[in-house]
PDB file of N, CA and C in Angstrom:
ATOM      1  N   UNK A   1      37.809 -23.519-130.392  1.00  0.00           N
ATOM      2  CA  UNK A   1      37.265 -22.298-129.809  1.00  0.00           C
ATOM      3  C   UNK A   1      37.110 -22.534-128.307  1.00  0.00           C
ATOM      4  N   UNK A   2      37.624 -21.627-127.518  1.00  0.00           N
ATOM      5  CA  UNK A   2      37.489 -21.748-126.065  1.00  0.00           C
ATOM      6  C   UNK A   2      36.084 -21.339-125.646  1.00  0.00           C
ATOM      7  N   UNK A   3      35.770 -21.667-124.394  1.00  0.00           N
ATOM      8  CA  UNK A   3      34.452 -21.308-123.865  1.00  0.00           C
ATOM      9  C   UNK A   3      34.274 -19.794-123.853  1.00  0.00           C
ATOM     10  N   UNK A   4      35.309 -19.066-123.507  1.00  0.00           N
ATOM     11  CA  UNK A   4      35.230 -17.603-123.473  1.00  0.00           C
ATOM     12  C   UNK A   4      34.988 -17.041-124.867  1.00  0.00           C
ATOM     13  N   UNK A   5      35.660 -17.612-125.869  1.00  0.00           N
ATOM     14  CA  UNK A   5      35.460 -17.160-127.254  1.00  0.00           C
ATOM     15  C   UNK A   5      34.048 -17.489-127.717  1.00  0.00           C
ATOM     16  N   UNK A   6      33.607 -18.695-127.373  1.00  0.00           N
ATOM     17  CA  UNK A   6      32.241 -19.097-127.731  1.00  0.00           C
ATOM     18  C   UNK A   6      31.231 -18.139-127.110  1.00  0.00           C
ATOM     19  N   UNK A   7      31.398 -17.853-125.820  1.00  0.00           N
ATOM     20  CA  UNK A   7      30.459 -16.968-125.133  1.00  0.00           C
ATOM     21  C   UNK A   7      30.479 -15.561-125.718  1.00  0.00           C
ATOM     22  N   UNK A   8      31.657 -15.093-126.092  1.00  0.00           N
ATOM     23  CA  UNK A   8      31.759 -13.769-126.716  1.00  0.00           C
ATOM     24  C   UNK A   8      31.000 -13.752-128.035  1.00  0.00           C
ATOM     25  N   UNK A   9      31.120 -14.810-128.800  1.00  0.00           N
ATOM     26  CA  UNK A   9      30.398 -14.911-130.079  1.00  0.00           C
ATOM     27  C   UNK A   9      28.889 -14.962-129.842  1.00  0.00           C
ATOM     28  N   UNK A  10      28.480 -15.726-128.829  1.00  0.00           N
ATOM     29  CA  UNK A  10      27.053 -15.825-128.493  1.00  0.00           C
ATOM     30  C   UNK A  10      26.515 -14.449-128.097  1.00  0.00           C
ATOM     31  N   UNK A  11      27.260 -13.751-127.243  1.00  0.00           N
ATOM     32  CA  UNK A  11      26.836 -12.420-126.797  1.00  0.00           C
ATOM     33  C   UNK A  11      26.685 -11.488-127.994  1.00  0.00           C
ATOM     34  N   UNK A  12      27.629 -11.548-128.906  1.00  0.00           N
ATOM     35  CA  UNK A  12      27.552 -10.695-130.097  1.00  0.00           C
ATOM     36  C   UNK A  12      26.308 -11.027-130.932  1.00  0.00           C
ATOM     37  N   UNK A  13      26.022 -12.310-131.096  1.00  0.00           N
ATOM     38  CA  UNK A  13      24.849 -12.711-131.883  1.00  0.00           C
ATOM     39  C   UNK A  13      23.561 -12.282-131.188  1.00  0.00           C
ATOM     40  N   UNK A  14      23.532 -12.421-129.885  1.00  0.00           N
ATOM     41  CA  UNK A  14      22.342 -12.011-129.138  1.00  0.00           C
ATOM     42  C   UNK A  14      22.165 -10.497-129.262  1.00  0.00           C
ATOM     43  N   UNK A  15      23.244  -9.765-129.148  1.00  0.00           N
ATOM     44  CA  UNK A  15      23.200  -8.300-129.239  1.00  0.00           C
ATOM     45  C   UNK A  15      22.665  -7.845-130.601  1.00  0.00           C
ATOM     46  N   UNK A  16      23.059  -8.559-131.666  1.00  0.00           N
ATOM     47  CA  UNK A  16      22.620  -8.190-133.014  1.00  0.00           C
ATOM     48  C   UNK A  16      21.133  -8.467-133.229  1.00  0.00           C
ATOM     49  N   UNK A  17      20.561  -9.399-132.476  1.00  0.00           N
ATOM     50  CA  UNK A  17      19.137  -9.749-132.543  1.00  0.00           C
ATOM     51  C   UNK A  17      18.685 -10.195-133.932  1.00  0.00           C
ATOM     52  N   UNK A  18      19.580 -10.788-134.689  1.00  0.00           N
ATOM     53  CA  UNK A  18      19.213 -11.287-136.012  1.00  0.00           C
ATOM     54  C   UNK A  18      18.651 -12.698-135.942  1.00  0.00           C
ATOM     55  N   UNK A  19      19.002 -13.420-134.886  1.00  0.00           N
ATOM     56  CA  UNK A  19      18.523 -14.791-134.704  1.00  0.00           C
ATOM     57  C   UNK A  19      17.888 -14.908-133.325  1.00  0.00           C
ATOM     58  N   UNK A  20      16.971 -15.852-133.211  1.00  0.00           N
ATOM     59  CA  UNK A  20      16.346 -16.096-131.911  1.00  0.00           C
ATOM     60  C   UNK A  20      17.315 -16.863-131.018  1.00  0.00           C
ATOM     61  N   UNK A  21      17.019 -16.900-129.735  1.00  0.00           N
ATOM     62  CA  UNK A  21      17.861 -17.665-128.807  1.00  0.00           C
ATOM     63  C   UNK A  21      17.872 -19.140-129.178  1.00  0.00           C
ATOM     64  N   UNK A  22      16.751 -19.642-129.665  1.00  0.00           N
ATOM     65  CA  UNK A  22      16.684 -21.037-130.102  1.00  0.00           C
ATOM     66  C   UNK A  22      17.630 -21.290-131.277  1.00  0.00           C
ATOM     67  N   UNK A  23      17.636 -20.376-132.240  1.00  0.00           N
ATOM     68  CA  UNK A  23      18.503 -20.533-133.415  1.00  0.00           C
ATOM     69  C   UNK A  23      19.979 -20.450-133.023  1.00  0.00           C
ATOM     70  N   UNK A  24      20.309 -19.527-132.126  1.00  0.00           N
ATOM     71  CA  UNK A  24      21.690 -19.418-131.669  1.00  0.00           C
ATOM     72  C   UNK A  24      22.093 -20.686-130.918  1.00  0.00           C
ATOM     73  N   UNK A  25      21.182 -21.187-130.100  1.00  0.00           N
ATOM     74  CA  UNK A  25      21.449 -22.426-129.364  1.00  0.00           C
ATOM     75  C   UNK A  25      21.713 -23.592-130.288  1.00  0.00           C
ATOM     76  N   UNK A  26      20.961 -23.674-131.382  1.00  0.00           N
ATOM     77  CA  UNK A  26      21.147 -24.766-132.344  1.00  0.00           C
ATOM     78  C   UNK A  26      22.530 -24.680-132.997  1.00  0.00           C
ATOM     79  N   UNK A  27      23.005 -23.485-133.244  1.00  0.00           N
ATOM     80  CA  UNK A  27      24.327 -23.300-133.862  1.00  0.00           C
ATOM     81  C   UNK A  27      25.426 -23.824-132.939  1.00  0.00           C
ATOM     82  N   UNK A  28      25.283 -23.555-131.648  1.00  0.00           N
ATOM     83  CA  UNK A  28      26.339 -23.915-130.699  1.00  0.00           C
ATOM     84  C   UNK A  28      26.050 -25.208-129.936  1.00  0.00           C
ATOM     85  N   UNK A  29      24.914 -25.840-130.223  1.00  0.00           N
ATOM     86  CA  UNK A  29      24.566 -27.077-129.524  1.00  0.00           C
ATOM     87  C   UNK A  29      24.199 -26.844-128.069  1.00  0.00           C
ATOM     88  N   UNK A  30      23.573 -25.707-127.783  1.00  0.00           N
ATOM     89  CA  UNK A  30      23.179 -25.350-126.426  1.00  0.00           C
ATOM     90  C   UNK A  30      21.677 -25.096-126.389  1.00  0.00           C
ATOM     91  N   UNK A  31      21.120 -25.143-125.199  1.00  0.00           N
ATOM     92  CA  UNK A  31      19.682 -24.878-125.064  1.00  0.00           C
ATOM     93  C   UNK A  31      19.416 -23.384-125.078  1.00  0.00           C
ATOM     94  N   UNK A  32      18.176 -23.040-125.323  1.00  0.00           N
ATOM     95  CA  UNK A  32      17.738 -21.644-125.301  1.00  0.00           C
ATOM     96  C   UNK A  32      18.028 -21.027-123.940  1.00  0.00           C
ATOM     97  N   UNK A  33      17.791 -21.806-122.888  1.00  0.00           N
ATOM     98  CA  UNK A  33      18.005 -21.317-121.531  1.00  0.00           C
ATOM     99  C   UNK A  33      19.476 -20.982-121.291  1.00  0.00           C
ATOM    100  N   UNK A  34      20.378 -21.848-121.784  1.00  0.00           N
ATOM    101  CA  UNK A  34      21.813 -21.601-121.615  1.00  0.00           C
ATOM    102  C   UNK A  34      22.225 -20.341-122.358  1.00  0.00           C
ATOM    103  N   UNK A  35      21.709 -20.174-123.570  1.00  0.00           N
ATOM    104  CA  UNK A  35      22.016 -18.958-124.338  1.00  0.00           C
ATOM    105  C   UNK A  35      21.504 -17.737-123.577  1.00  0.00           C
ATOM    106  N   UNK A  36      20.312 -17.850-123.017  1.00  0.00           N
ATOM    107  CA  UNK A  36      19.744 -16.749-122.235  1.00  0.00           C
ATOM    108  C   UNK A  36      20.600 -16.408-121.025  1.00  0.00           C
ATOM    109  N   UNK A  37      21.115 -17.441-120.332  1.00  0.00           N
ATOM    110  CA  UNK A  37      21.974 -17.208-119.164  1.00  0.00           C
ATOM    111  C   UNK A  37      23.277 -16.506-119.564  1.00  0.00           C
ATOM    112  N   UNK A  38      23.855 -16.947-120.661  1.00  0.00           N
ATOM    113  CA  UNK A  38      25.096 -16.321-121.141  1.00  0.00           C
ATOM    114  C   UNK A  38      24.842 -14.861-121.495  1.00  0.00           C
ATOM    115  N   UNK A  39      23.757 -14.614-122.218  1.00  0.00           N
ATOM    116  CA  UNK A  39      23.410 -13.247-122.592  1.00  0.00           C
ATOM    117  C   UNK A  39      23.076 -12.385-121.388  1.00  0.00           C
ATOM    118  N   UNK A  40      22.359 -12.960-120.423  1.00  0.00           N
ATOM    119  CA  UNK A  40      21.985 -12.195-119.235  1.00  0.00           C
ATOM    120  C   UNK A  40      23.227 -11.837-118.421  1.00  0.00           C
ATOM    121  N   UNK A  41      24.176 -12.784-118.294  1.00  0.00           N
ATOM    122  CA  UNK A  41      25.411 -12.523-117.555  1.00  0.00           C
ATOM    123  C   UNK A  41      26.196 -11.382-118.201  1.00  0.00           C
ATOM    124  N   UNK A  42      26.089 -11.264-119.521  1.00  0.00           N
ATOM    125  CA  UNK A  42      26.796 -10.196-120.239  1.00  0.00           C
ATOM    126  C   UNK A  42      25.973  -8.904-120.285  1.00  0.00           C
ATOM    127  N   UNK A  43      24.752  -8.951-119.801  1.00  0.00           N
ATOM    128  CA  UNK A  43      23.916  -7.757-119.765  1.00  0.00           C
ATOM    129  C   UNK A  43      23.195  -7.444-121.057  1.00  0.00           C
ATOM    130  N   UNK A  44      23.095  -8.420-121.964  1.00  0.00           N
ATOM    131  CA  UNK A  44      22.412  -8.143-123.234  1.00  0.00           C
ATOM    132  C   UNK A  44      21.023  -8.762-123.297  1.00  0.00           C
ATOM    133  N   UNK A  45      20.714  -9.669-122.398  1.00  0.00           N
ATOM    134  CA  UNK A  45      19.376 -10.269-122.360  1.00  0.00           C
ATOM    135  C   UNK A  45      18.740  -9.847-121.055  1.00  0.00           C
ATOM    136  N   UNK A  46      17.604  -9.217-121.169  1.00  0.00           N
ATOM    137  CA  UNK A  46      16.877  -8.799-119.979  1.00  0.00           C
ATOM    138  C   UNK A  46      15.506  -9.447-120.015  1.00  0.00           C
ATOM    139  N   UNK A  47      15.052  -9.793-118.845  1.00  0.00           N
ATOM    140  CA  UNK A  47      13.702 -10.353-118.773  1.00  0.00           C
ATOM    141  C   UNK A  47      12.691  -9.253-119.018  1.00  0.00           C
ATOM    142  N   UNK A  48      11.675  -9.596-119.741  1.00  0.00           N
ATOM    143  CA  UNK A  48      10.589  -8.642-119.949  1.00  0.00           C
ATOM    144  C   UNK A  48       9.815  -8.502-118.656  1.00  0.00           C
ATOM    145  N   UNK A  49       9.396  -7.305-118.324  1.00  0.00           N
ATOM    146  CA  UNK A  49       8.576  -7.186-117.120  1.00  0.00           C
ATOM    147  C   UNK A  49       7.263  -7.914-117.337  1.00  0.00           C
ATOM    148  N   UNK A  50       6.841  -8.636-116.325  1.00  0.00           N
ATOM    149  CA  UNK A  50       5.590  -9.369-116.447  1.00  0.00           C
ATOM    150  C   UNK A  50       4.430  -8.393-116.325  1.00  0.00           C
ATOM    151  N   UNK A  51       3.455  -8.588-117.166  1.00  0.00           N
ATOM    152  CA  UNK A  51       2.278  -7.719-117.147  1.00  0.00           C
ATOM    153  C   UNK A  51       1.364  -8.163-116.016  1.00  0.00           C
ATOM    154  N   UNK A  52       0.891  -7.221-115.275  1.00  0.00           N
ATOM    155  CA  UNK A  52      -0.073  -7.515-114.224  1.00  0.00           C
ATOM    156  C   UNK A  52      -1.423  -7.728-114.896  1.00  0.00           C
ATOM    157  N   UNK A  53      -1.923  -8.942-114.804  1.00  0.00           N
ATOM    158  CA  UNK A  53      -3.180  -9.242-115.473  1.00  0.00           C
ATOM    159  C   UNK A  53      -4.378  -8.871-114.603  1.00  0.00           C
ATOM    160  N   UNK A  54      -4.118  -8.581-113.338  1.00  0.00           N
ATOM    161  CA  UNK A  54      -5.216  -8.249-112.444  1.00  0.00           C
ATOM    162  C   UNK A  54      -4.762  -7.126-111.531  1.00  0.00           C
ATOM    163  N   UNK A  55      -5.485  -6.063-111.524  1.00  0.00           N
ATOM    164  CA  UNK A  55      -5.178  -4.957-110.630  1.00  0.00           C
ATOM    165  C   UNK A  55      -6.169  -4.994-109.482  1.00  0.00           C
ATOM    166  N   UNK A  56      -5.664  -5.171-108.291  1.00  0.00           N
ATOM    167  CA  UNK A  56      -6.529  -5.325-107.122  1.00  0.00           C
ATOM    168  C   UNK A  56      -7.298  -4.034-106.843  1.00  0.00           C
ATOM    169  N   UNK A  57      -8.550  -4.202-106.507  1.00  0.00           N
ATOM    170  CA  UNK A  57      -9.388  -3.083-106.108  1.00  0.00           C
ATOM    171  C   UNK A  57      -9.298  -2.958-104.593  1.00  0.00           C
ATOM    172  N   UNK A  58      -9.018  -1.771-104.084  1.00  0.00           N
ATOM    173  CA  UNK A  58      -8.911  -1.609-102.630  1.00  0.00           C
ATOM    174  C   UNK A  58     -10.211  -1.993-101.930  1.00  0.00           C
ATOM    175  N   UNK A  59     -10.076  -2.500-100.724  1.00  0.00           N
ATOM    176  CA  UNK A  59     -11.236  -2.899 -99.933  1.00  0.00           C
ATOM    177  C   UNK A  59     -11.748  -1.691 -99.153  1.00  0.00           C
ATOM    178  N   UNK A  60     -13.046  -1.478 -99.200  1.00  0.00           N
ATOM    179  CA  UNK A  60     -13.642  -0.413 -98.388  1.00  0.00           C
ATOM    180  C   UNK A  60     -13.852  -0.961 -96.979  1.00  0.00           C
ATOM    181  N   UNK A  61     -14.044  -0.052 -96.044  1.00  0.00           N
ATOM    182  CA  UNK A  61     -14.312  -0.467 -94.667  1.00  0.00           C
ATOM    183  C   UNK A  61     -15.587  -1.292 -94.562  1.00  0.00           C
ATOM    184  N   UNK A  62     -16.599  -0.908 -95.351  1.00  0.00           N
ATOM    185  CA  UNK A  62     -17.873  -1.635 -95.321  1.00  0.00           C
ATOM    186  C   UNK A  62     -17.699  -3.063 -95.828  1.00  0.00           C
ATOM    187  N   UNK A  63     -16.875  -3.220 -96.862  1.00  0.00           N
ATOM    188  CA  UNK A  63     -16.635  -4.572 -97.387  1.00  0.00           C
ATOM    189  C   UNK A  63     -15.902  -5.427 -96.360  1.00  0.00           C
ATOM    190  N   UNK A  64     -14.884  -4.849 -95.733  1.00  0.00           N
ATOM    191  CA  UNK A  64     -14.129  -5.593 -94.718  1.00  0.00           C
ATOM    192  C   UNK A  64     -15.041  -5.972 -93.555  1.00  0.00           C
ATOM    193  N   UNK A  65     -15.914  -5.046 -93.145  1.00  0.00           N
ATOM    194  CA  UNK A  65     -16.869  -5.339 -92.060  1.00  0.00           C
ATOM    195  C   UNK A  65     -17.809  -6.469 -92.464  1.00  0.00           C
ATOM    196  N   UNK A  66     -18.255  -6.458 -93.714  1.00  0.00           N
ATOM    197  CA  UNK A  66     -19.146  -7.522 -94.189  1.00  0.00           C
ATOM    198  C   UNK A  66     -18.445  -8.874 -94.137  1.00  0.00           C
ATOM    199  N   UNK A  67     -17.179  -8.893 -94.522  1.00  0.00           N
ATOM    200  CA  UNK A  67     -16.432 -10.152 -94.457  1.00  0.00           C
ATOM    201  C   UNK A  67     -16.299 -10.590 -93.001  1.00  0.00           C
ATOM    202  N   UNK A  68     -15.989  -9.667 -92.097  1.00  0.00           N
ATOM    203  CA  UNK A  68     -15.862 -10.002 -90.673  1.00  0.00           C
ATOM    204  C   UNK A  68     -17.162 -10.592 -90.127  1.00  0.00           C
ATOM    205  N   UNK A  69     -18.283  -9.978 -90.493  1.00  0.00           N
ATOM    206  CA  UNK A  69     -19.587 -10.424 -89.969  1.00  0.00           C
ATOM    207  C   UNK A  69     -20.050 -11.749 -90.567  1.00  0.00           C
ATOM    208  N   UNK A  70     -19.815 -11.915 -91.868  1.00  0.00           N
ATOM    209  CA  UNK A  70     -20.458 -13.015 -92.573  1.00  0.00           C
ATOM    210  C   UNK A  70     -19.564 -14.233 -92.834  1.00  0.00           C
ATOM    211  N   UNK A  71     -18.247 -14.063 -92.796  1.00  0.00           N
ATOM    212  CA  UNK A  71     -17.353 -15.170 -93.153  1.00  0.00           C
ATOM    213  C   UNK A  71     -17.548 -16.326 -92.175  1.00  0.00           C
ATOM    214  N   UNK A  72     -17.796 -17.483 -92.706  1.00  0.00           N
ATOM    215  CA  UNK A  72     -18.037 -18.665 -91.893  1.00  0.00           C
ATOM    216  C   UNK A  72     -19.507 -18.873 -91.569  1.00  0.00           C
ATOM    217  N   UNK A  73     -20.324 -17.860 -91.853  1.00  0.00           N
ATOM    218  CA  UNK A  73     -21.764 -17.966 -91.578  1.00  0.00           C
ATOM    219  C   UNK A  73     -22.563 -18.200 -92.849  1.00  0.00           C
ATOM    220  N   UNK A  74     -22.054 -17.691 -93.945  1.00  0.00           N
ATOM    221  CA  UNK A  74     -22.705 -17.883 -95.236  1.00  0.00           C
ATOM    222  C   UNK A  74     -21.672 -18.443 -96.210  1.00  0.00           C
ATOM    223  N   UNK A  75     -22.153 -18.956 -97.306  1.00  0.00           N
ATOM    224  CA  UNK A  75     -21.237 -19.493 -98.303  1.00  0.00           C
ATOM    225  C   UNK A  75     -20.394 -18.367 -98.899  1.00  0.00           C
ATOM    226  N   UNK A  76     -19.121 -18.672 -99.079  1.00  0.00           N
ATOM    227  CA  UNK A  76     -18.186 -17.684 -99.607  1.00  0.00           C
ATOM    228  C   UNK A  76     -18.634 -17.214-100.983  1.00  0.00           C
ATOM    229  N   UNK A  77     -19.154 -18.113-101.777  1.00  0.00           N
ATOM    230  CA  UNK A  77     -19.622 -17.760-103.124  1.00  0.00           C
ATOM    231  C   UNK A  77     -20.711 -16.685-103.054  1.00  0.00           C
ATOM    232  N   UNK A  78     -21.620 -16.820-102.118  1.00  0.00           N
ATOM    233  CA  UNK A  78     -22.701 -15.841-101.980  1.00  0.00           C
ATOM    234  C   UNK A  78     -22.169 -14.494-101.493  1.00  0.00           C
ATOM    235  N   UNK A  79     -21.248 -14.537-100.541  1.00  0.00           N
ATOM    236  CA  UNK A  79     -20.656 -13.302-100.052  1.00  0.00           C
ATOM    237  C   UNK A  79     -19.897 -12.597-101.175  1.00  0.00           C
ATOM    238  N   UNK A  80     -19.190 -13.371-101.984  1.00  0.00           N
ATOM    239  CA  UNK A  80     -18.445 -12.804-103.114  1.00  0.00           C
ATOM    240  C   UNK A  80     -19.398 -12.147-104.108  1.00  0.00           C
ATOM    241  N   UNK A  81     -20.512 -12.807-104.399  1.00  0.00           N
ATOM    242  CA  UNK A  81     -21.492 -12.235-105.330  1.00  0.00           C
ATOM    243  C   UNK A  81     -22.058 -10.934-104.777  1.00  0.00           C
ATOM    244  N   UNK A  82     -22.370 -10.924-103.513  1.00  0.00           N
ATOM    245  CA  UNK A  82     -22.952  -9.738-102.890  1.00  0.00           C
ATOM    246  C   UNK A  82     -21.991  -8.551-102.935  1.00  0.00           C
ATOM    247  N   UNK A  83     -20.706  -8.815-102.715  1.00  0.00           N
ATOM    248  CA  UNK A  83     -19.716  -7.736-102.672  1.00  0.00           C
ATOM    249  C   UNK A  83     -19.102  -7.436-104.032  1.00  0.00           C
ATOM    250  N   UNK A  84     -19.435  -8.229-105.039  1.00  0.00           N
ATOM    251  CA  UNK A  84     -18.859  -8.018-106.361  1.00  0.00           C
ATOM    252  C   UNK A  84     -17.380  -8.361-106.397  1.00  0.00           C
ATOM    253  N   UNK A  85     -16.991  -9.356-105.634  1.00  0.00           N
ATOM    254  CA  UNK A  85     -15.615  -9.820-105.534  1.00  0.00           C
ATOM    255  C   UNK A  85     -15.546 -11.275-105.959  1.00  0.00           C
ATOM    256  N   UNK A  86     -14.324 -11.767-106.140  1.00  0.00           N
ATOM    257  CA  UNK A  86     -14.168 -13.184-106.443  1.00  0.00           C
ATOM    258  C   UNK A  86     -14.130 -13.975-105.142  1.00  0.00           C
ATOM    259  N   UNK A  87     -14.376 -15.241-105.257  1.00  0.00           N
ATOM    260  CA  UNK A  87     -14.317 -16.134-104.104  1.00  0.00           C
ATOM    261  C   UNK A  87     -12.929 -16.081-103.460  1.00  0.00           C
ATOM    262  N   UNK A  88     -11.888 -16.082-104.295  1.00  0.00           N
ATOM    263  CA  UNK A  88     -10.524 -16.051-103.767  1.00  0.00           C
ATOM    264  C   UNK A  88     -10.214 -14.736-103.059  1.00  0.00           C
ATOM    265  N   UNK A  89     -10.785 -13.641-103.531  1.00  0.00           N
ATOM    266  CA  UNK A  89     -10.576 -12.363-102.845  1.00  0.00           C
ATOM    267  C   UNK A  89     -11.174 -12.405-101.443  1.00  0.00           C
ATOM    268  N   UNK A  90     -12.356 -12.996-101.327  1.00  0.00           N
ATOM    269  CA  UNK A  90     -13.014 -13.102-100.021  1.00  0.00           C
ATOM    270  C   UNK A  90     -12.178 -13.963 -99.086  1.00  0.00           C
ATOM    271  N   UNK A  91     -11.740 -15.109 -99.566  1.00  0.00           N
ATOM    272  CA  UNK A  91     -10.938 -16.023 -98.746  1.00  0.00           C
ATOM    273  C   UNK A  91      -9.632 -15.355 -98.333  1.00  0.00           C
ATOM    274  N   UNK A  92      -8.978 -14.663 -99.274  1.00  0.00           N
ATOM    275  CA  UNK A  92      -7.735 -13.973 -98.961  1.00  0.00           C
ATOM    276  C   UNK A  92      -7.931 -12.874 -97.935  1.00  0.00           C
ATOM    277  N   UNK A  93      -9.006 -12.096 -98.082  1.00  0.00           N
ATOM    278  CA  UNK A  93      -9.276 -11.006 -97.135  1.00  0.00           C
ATOM    279  C   UNK A  93      -9.559 -11.584 -95.750  1.00  0.00           C
ATOM    280  N   UNK A  94     -10.325 -12.647 -95.683  1.00  0.00           N
ATOM    281  CA  UNK A  94     -10.623 -13.287 -94.402  1.00  0.00           C
ATOM    282  C   UNK A  94      -9.327 -13.767 -93.741  1.00  0.00           C
ATOM    283  N   UNK A  95      -8.446 -14.324 -94.531  1.00  0.00           N
ATOM    284  CA  UNK A  95      -7.169 -14.797 -94.001  1.00  0.00           C
ATOM    285  C   UNK A  95      -6.360 -13.626 -93.448  1.00  0.00           C
ATOM    286  N   UNK A  96      -6.296 -12.522 -94.200  1.00  0.00           N
ATOM    287  CA  UNK A  96      -5.552 -11.352 -93.743  1.00  0.00           C
ATOM    288  C   UNK A  96      -6.171 -10.720 -92.499  1.00  0.00           C
ATOM    289  N   UNK A  97      -7.490 -10.895 -92.340  1.00  0.00           N
ATOM    290  CA  UNK A  97      -8.174 -10.382 -91.151  1.00  0.00           C
ATOM    291  C   UNK A  97      -8.066 -11.342 -89.975  1.00  0.00           C
ATOM    292  N   UNK A  98      -7.473 -12.510 -90.223  1.00  0.00           N
ATOM    293  CA  UNK A  98      -7.309 -13.500 -89.157  1.00  0.00           C
ATOM    294  C   UNK A  98      -8.562 -14.302 -88.876  1.00  0.00           C
ATOM    295  N   UNK A  99      -9.483 -14.341 -89.826  1.00  0.00           N
ATOM    296  CA  UNK A  99     -10.725 -15.079 -89.647  1.00  0.00           C
ATOM    297  C   UNK A  99     -10.551 -16.519 -90.080  1.00  0.00           C
ATOM    298  N   UNK A 100     -11.276 -17.386 -89.420  1.00  0.00           N
ATOM    299  CA  UNK A 100     -11.254 -18.794 -89.805  1.00  0.00           C
ATOM    300  C   UNK A 100     -12.688 -19.290 -89.906  1.00  0.00           C
ATOM    301  N   UNK A 101     -12.961 -19.992 -90.977  1.00  0.00           N
ATOM    302  CA  UNK A 101     -14.283 -20.608 -91.137  1.00  0.00           C
ATOM    303  C   UNK A 101     -14.155 -22.026 -90.594  1.00  0.00           C
ATOM    304  N   UNK A 102     -14.755 -22.273 -89.454  1.00  0.00           N
ATOM    305  CA  UNK A 102     -14.623 -23.581 -88.810  1.00  0.00           C
ATOM    306  C   UNK A 102     -15.263 -24.675 -89.643  1.00  0.00           C
ATOM    307  N   UNK A 103     -16.435 -24.412 -90.138  1.00  0.00           N
ATOM    308  CA  UNK A 103     -17.139 -25.392 -90.953  1.00  0.00           C
ATOM    309  C   UNK A 103     -17.781 -24.674 -92.129  1.00  0.00           C
ATOM    310  N   UNK A 104     -17.971 -25.408 -93.196  1.00  0.00           N
ATOM    311  CA  UNK A 104     -18.670 -24.829 -94.335  1.00  0.00           C
ATOM    312  C   UNK A 104     -20.133 -24.650 -93.956  1.00  0.00           C
ATOM    313  N   UNK A 105     -20.730 -23.552 -94.329  1.00  0.00           N
ATOM    314  CA  UNK A 105     -22.149 -23.345 -94.019  1.00  0.00           C
ATOM    315  C   UNK A 105     -23.015 -24.409 -94.679  1.00  0.00           C
ATOM    316  N   UNK A 106     -24.125 -24.680 -94.059  1.00  0.00           N
ATOM    317  CA  UNK A 106     -25.029 -25.691 -94.604  1.00  0.00           C
ATOM    318  C   UNK A 106     -25.736 -25.157 -95.840  1.00  0.00           C
ATOM    319  N   UNK A 107     -26.480 -26.012 -96.488  1.00  0.00           N
ATOM    320  CA  UNK A 107     -27.201 -25.598 -97.687  1.00  0.00           C
ATOM    321  C   UNK A 107     -28.347 -24.656 -97.350  1.00  0.00           C
ATOM    322  N   UNK A 108     -28.645 -24.475 -96.060  1.00  0.00           N
ATOM    323  CA  UNK A 108     -29.705 -23.549 -95.650  1.00  0.00           C
ATOM    324  C   UNK A 108     -29.129 -22.177 -95.294  1.00  0.00           C
ATOM    325  N   UNK A 109     -27.959 -21.859 -95.841  1.00  0.00           N
ATOM    326  CA  UNK A 109     -27.335 -20.568 -95.580  1.00  0.00           C
ATOM    327  C   UNK A 109     -28.234 -19.434 -96.057  1.00  0.00           C
ATOM    328  N   UNK A 110     -28.013 -18.268 -95.495  1.00  0.00           N
ATOM    329  CA  UNK A 110     -28.828 -17.121 -95.845  1.00  0.00           C
ATOM    330  C   UNK A 110     -28.712 -16.812 -97.329  1.00  0.00           C
ATOM    331  N   UNK A 111     -29.795 -16.382 -97.940  1.00  0.00           N
ATOM    332  CA  UNK A 111     -29.707 -15.917 -99.334  1.00  0.00           C
ATOM    333  C   UNK A 111     -28.845 -14.670 -99.410  1.00  0.00           C
ATOM    334  N   UNK A 112     -28.286 -14.439-100.559  1.00  0.00           N
ATOM    335  CA  UNK A 112     -27.354 -13.318-100.737  1.00  0.00           C
ATOM    336  C   UNK A 112     -27.999 -11.977-100.415  1.00  0.00           C
ATOM    337  N   UNK A 113     -29.286 -11.797-100.740  1.00  0.00           N
ATOM    338  CA  UNK A 113     -29.905 -10.486-100.525  1.00  0.00           C
ATOM    339  C   UNK A 113     -30.117 -10.170 -99.037  1.00  0.00           C
ATOM    340  N   UNK A 114     -30.038 -11.180 -98.149  1.00  0.00           N
ATOM    341  CA  UNK A 114     -30.194 -10.942 -96.725  1.00  0.00           C
ATOM    342  C   UNK A 114     -28.866 -10.760 -96.001  1.00  0.00           C
ATOM    343  N   UNK A 115     -27.753 -10.969 -96.701  1.00  0.00           N
ATOM    344  CA  UNK A 115     -26.458 -11.001 -96.047  1.00  0.00           C
ATOM    345  C   UNK A 115     -25.954  -9.630 -95.638  1.00  0.00           C
ATOM    346  N   UNK A 116     -25.829  -8.749 -96.592  1.00  0.00           N
ATOM    347  CA  UNK A 116     -25.141  -7.483 -96.351  1.00  0.00           C
ATOM    348  C   UNK A 116     -25.974  -6.333 -96.879  1.00  0.00           C
ATOM    349  N   UNK A 117     -26.153  -5.353 -96.055  1.00  0.00           N
ATOM    350  CA  UNK A 117     -26.831  -4.145 -96.539  1.00  0.00           C
ATOM    351  C   UNK A 117     -25.787  -3.273 -97.224  1.00  0.00           C
ATOM    352  N   UNK A 118     -26.083  -2.852 -98.430  1.00  0.00           N
ATOM    353  CA  UNK A 118     -25.108  -2.023 -99.170  1.00  0.00           C
ATOM    354  C   UNK A 118     -25.491  -0.574 -99.130  1.00  0.00           C
TER     355      UNK A 118
END
């Protein structure tokens, strides 16, 4: 069997969806990935769209202002708690705003209730 004949047979098996890519690979002595590449090249295997596990909440002007005022002055964890955001969201927003925290705030940082008026 030539490579072209083999690939045609693989494409047909993938199209029928009676066997998994792993099972087809075992029949032909190929990996699942190789079977997937052959099927994708023929247009019969498509990647599933990845589900967005997190939908970003837009930033309000007040939140952005709070990050501008407080980033680098208070602990990021406290600022995140106050704004109802994750620590990574705060760090990412600060980065996009061009802010840099020169040093981590000391343990005497302001309590969360004194940071931002909501």
